[in-house]
Amino acid sequence: MPFRLHTGHDRWMHGVEAQSGGGNGEEPAEISSPKEAADNALVLAFGRLQGAANRLEYILGRSLELECGISHLMFEVLLILGRAGDPGLSMRAIAQEQVLTTGGATRLVDRMEAAGLVERAEDPGDRRGRLVRLTPLGEETTVRASRVHVENIRRYFLAPLPAEDRERFAEDLRILSHAARDELPRLP
């Protein structure tokens, strides 16, 4: 086993594992008062994650609205469509990617279509189906918004973290995101 320097993060994780039963065969600590609930390391950790995500969503989303005229959710759909390329994606695929109902995805795409960012086209594999794809304005907006977004990610998401922890943190977030995604029910 390689040598590993123990940091404050390691001490915090040891406290979380102790409170959660940490894989050592012990039962999780019982919470018997509101104070214990509020001070529980797992509850605090998840609350900090959620709080940071909500604050960053607001900061970065507001910047996209002010500088590019689109919501963060619209930006996410532009990225999904950019990743998919031609011929586009079905409404159902967009809904599943964004954890939206198909009705919610349809309303969002309607607004994006009215703004000239996307268009609906025939599905070459299904004559009854329609696919959503980027317009030239949608492609241009995706690139412009991505430049703004990347700069804000550097400023508000990476800069506060120690440089040596950034890569591992990003990987841990990927693992959490995929594990949570895999637990979600698939839309019919």
Protein backbone atom coordinates (compact mmCIF):
# COMPACT_ATOMS: atom_id res chain seq x y z
CA MET A 1 0.00 0.00 0.00
CA PRO A 2 1.53 3.38 -0.95
CA PHE A 3 2.27 6.00 1.68
CA ARG A 4 -0.57 8.47 2.12
CA LEU A 5 -0.48 11.74 3.98
CA HIS A 6 -3.51 12.10 6.24
CA THR A 7 -5.27 15.42 5.82
CA GLY A 8 -8.17 17.19 7.45
CA HIS A 9 -10.35 15.56 4.78
CA ASP A 10 -9.25 12.14 6.04
CA ARG A 11 -10.16 13.08 9.62
CA TRP A 12 -13.54 14.34 8.45
CA MET A 13 -14.14 11.13 6.47
CA HIS A 14 -13.21 9.07 9.54
CA GLY A 15 -15.86 11.02 11.50
CA VAL A 16 -18.43 10.41 8.75
CA GLU A 17 -17.60 6.70 8.69
CA ALA A 18 -17.84 6.51 12.47
CA GLN A 19 -21.28 8.15 12.45
CA SER A 20 -22.52 6.05 9.55
CA GLY A 21 -21.23 2.67 10.63
CA GLY A 22 -18.45 3.13 8.04
CA GLY A 23 -18.18 -0.40 6.73
CA ASN A 24 -16.61 -1.78 9.89
CA GLY A 25 -19.64 -3.89 10.79
CA GLU A 26 -20.97 -1.43 13.36
CA GLU A 27 -24.55 -0.25 13.31
CA PRO A 28 -25.07 3.39 12.30
CA ALA A 29 -25.24 5.85 15.18
CA GLU A 30 -28.82 6.38 16.27
CA ILE A 31 -30.13 9.92 16.04
CA SER A 32 -32.26 10.66 19.07
CA SER A 33 -32.59 14.44 19.13
CA PRO A 34 -32.98 17.35 16.68
CA LYS A 35 -29.51 18.56 17.71
CA GLU A 36 -27.95 15.19 16.87
CA ALA A 37 -29.83 15.21 13.56
CA ALA A 38 -28.58 18.70 12.71
CA ASP A 39 -25.00 17.88 13.74
CA ASN A 40 -24.81 14.49 12.01
CA ALA A 41 -21.74 14.48 9.74
CA LEU A 42 -23.61 12.81 6.86
CA VAL A 43 -26.51 15.25 7.07
CA LEU A 44 -24.07 18.17 7.19
CA ALA A 45 -22.01 16.85 4.27
CA PHE A 46 -25.01 16.36 2.02
CA GLY A 47 -26.42 19.74 3.04
CA ARG A 48 -23.14 21.42 2.08
CA LEU A 49 -23.12 19.63 -1.27
CA GLN A 50 -26.70 20.66 -1.95
CA GLY A 51 -26.10 24.22 -0.76
CA ALA A 52 -22.99 24.60 -2.92
CA ALA A 53 -24.80 23.17 -5.95
CA ASN A 54 -27.78 25.50 -5.47
CA ARG A 55 -25.59 28.58 -5.03
CA LEU A 56 -23.38 27.72 -8.00
CA GLU A 57 -26.48 26.98 -10.11
CA TYR A 58 -27.78 30.45 -9.28
CA ILE A 59 -24.47 32.24 -9.93
CA LEU A 60 -23.63 30.41 -13.16
CA GLY A 61 -27.24 30.34 -14.41
CA ARG A 62 -27.69 34.07 -13.79
CA SER A 63 -24.53 34.77 -15.78
CA LEU A 64 -25.83 32.72 -18.74
CA GLU A 65 -29.10 34.63 -18.63
CA LEU A 66 -27.44 38.05 -18.48
CA GLU A 67 -24.65 37.40 -20.97
CA CYS A 68 -26.29 34.97 -23.40
CA GLY A 69 -30.05 35.35 -22.94
CA ILE A 70 -30.66 31.67 -22.09
CA SER A 71 -31.48 29.76 -18.91
CA HIS A 72 -29.10 27.18 -17.52
CA LEU A 73 -31.61 24.46 -18.41
CA MET A 74 -31.70 25.67 -22.02
CA PHE A 75 -27.90 25.63 -22.03
CA GLU A 76 -27.92 22.03 -20.80
CA VAL A 77 -30.27 21.04 -23.64
CA LEU A 78 -28.05 22.85 -26.16
CA LEU A 79 -25.09 20.83 -24.87
CA ILE A 80 -27.03 17.55 -25.07
CA LEU A 81 -28.03 18.30 -28.65
CA GLY A 82 -24.50 19.41 -29.51
CA ARG A 83 -23.13 16.15 -28.16
CA ALA A 84 -25.73 14.13 -30.10
CA GLY A 85 -25.11 15.88 -33.44
CA ASP A 86 -27.24 15.09 -36.47
CA PRO A 87 -29.93 14.00 -36.97
CA GLY A 88 -30.87 15.13 -33.41
CA LEU A 89 -32.67 13.62 -30.44
CA SER A 90 -36.22 12.64 -29.64
CA MET A 91 -38.16 14.55 -27.01
CA ARG A 92 -38.10 11.43 -24.85
CA ALA A 93 -34.28 11.26 -24.98
CA ILE A 94 -34.03 14.94 -24.02
CA ALA A 95 -36.47 14.41 -21.15
CA GLN A 96 -34.49 11.43 -19.83
CA GLU A 97 -31.19 13.29 -20.02
CA GLN A 98 -32.59 16.23 -18.08
CA VAL A 99 -34.83 14.23 -15.71
CA LEU A 100 -37.89 16.05 -17.02
CA THR A 101 -41.31 14.81 -17.94
CA THR A 102 -41.88 14.62 -21.67
CA GLY A 103 -44.39 17.47 -21.24
CA GLY A 104 -41.77 19.59 -19.48
CA ALA A 105 -39.23 18.84 -22.19
CA THR A 106 -41.78 19.73 -24.87
CA ARG A 107 -42.53 23.10 -23.26
CA LEU A 108 -38.82 23.85 -22.92
CA VAL A 109 -38.11 22.89 -26.54
CA ASP A 110 -41.10 24.99 -27.65
CA ARG A 111 -39.49 28.04 -26.00
CA MET A 112 -36.10 27.20 -27.51
CA GLU A 113 -37.67 26.76 -30.94
CA ALA A 114 -39.43 30.14 -30.62
CA ALA A 115 -36.03 31.68 -29.80
CA GLY A 116 -34.54 30.12 -32.94
CA LEU A 117 -32.12 27.85 -31.05
CA VAL A 118 -33.53 24.47 -32.12
CA GLU A 119 -35.74 23.03 -34.79
CA ARG A 120 -37.82 19.90 -35.12
CA ALA A 121 -37.12 17.65 -38.07
CA GLU A 122 -38.39 14.32 -39.36
CA ASP A 123 -36.80 11.26 -37.84
CA PRO A 124 -35.14 9.33 -40.70
CA GLY A 125 -35.66 6.09 -38.76
CA ASP A 126 -39.35 6.69 -37.97
CA ARG A 127 -41.59 8.64 -40.35
CA ARG A 128 -44.01 9.42 -37.51
CA GLY A 129 -41.28 10.66 -35.18
CA ARG A 130 -39.70 14.08 -34.83
CA LEU A 131 -36.20 14.89 -33.71
CA VAL A 132 -34.87 18.07 -32.15
CA ARG A 133 -31.61 19.52 -33.44
CA LEU A 134 -29.60 22.72 -33.18
CA THR A 135 -30.07 25.56 -35.64
CA PRO A 136 -27.07 27.65 -36.72
CA LEU A 137 -28.09 30.20 -34.05
CA GLY A 138 -28.28 27.36 -31.53
CA GLU A 139 -24.78 26.22 -32.47
CA GLU A 140 -23.44 29.78 -32.14
CA THR A 141 -25.20 30.28 -28.80
CA THR A 142 -23.84 26.97 -27.49
CA VAL A 143 -20.27 28.02 -28.24
CA ARG A 144 -20.68 31.56 -26.83
CA ALA A 145 -22.45 30.32 -23.69
CA SER A 146 -19.85 27.58 -23.18
CA ARG A 147 -17.05 30.15 -23.16
CA VAL A 148 -18.88 32.18 -20.51
CA HIS A 149 -19.72 29.05 -18.52
CA VAL A 150 -16.18 27.64 -18.55
CA GLU A 151 -14.76 30.93 -17.28
CA ASN A 152 -17.34 31.02 -14.48
CA ILE A 153 -16.64 27.38 -13.59
CA ARG A 154 -12.96 28.22 -13.26
CA ARG A 155 -13.74 31.26 -11.13
CA TYR A 156 -16.47 29.92 -8.82
CA PHE A 157 -16.03 26.14 -8.85
CA LEU A 158 -12.31 25.44 -9.24
CA ALA A 159 -10.52 28.50 -7.87
CA PRO A 160 -11.76 28.02 -4.26
CA LEU A 161 -10.43 24.43 -4.19
CA PRO A 162 -6.79 23.50 -3.53
CA ALA A 163 -5.16 22.81 -6.92
CA GLU A 164 -3.98 19.35 -5.86
CA ASP A 165 -7.57 18.24 -5.03
CA ARG A 166 -9.39 19.47 -8.15
CA GLU A 167 -8.93 16.43 -10.37
CA ARG A 168 -9.98 13.96 -7.66
CA PHE A 169 -12.97 16.13 -6.72
CA ALA A 170 -14.16 16.19 -10.35
CA GLU A 171 -13.79 12.40 -10.55
CA ASP A 172 -15.69 11.92 -7.28
CA LEU A 173 -18.54 14.08 -8.61
CA ARG A 174 -18.64 11.98 -11.80
CA ILE A 175 -18.92 8.81 -9.72
CA LEU A 176 -21.71 10.28 -7.57
CA SER A 177 -23.59 11.57 -10.60
CA HIS A 178 -23.47 8.23 -12.41
CA ALA A 179 -24.43 6.27 -9.31
CA ALA A 180 -27.45 8.55 -8.74
CA ARG A 181 -28.41 8.43 -12.41
CA ASP A 182 -28.36 4.64 -12.33
CA GLU A 183 -30.83 4.66 -9.41
CA LEU A 184 -33.39 6.78 -11.24
CA PRO A 185 -36.36 5.06 -12.87
CA ARG A 186 -36.41 5.19 -16.67
CA LEU A 187 -39.26 7.02 -18.31
CA PRO A 188 -41.70 4.74 -20.14
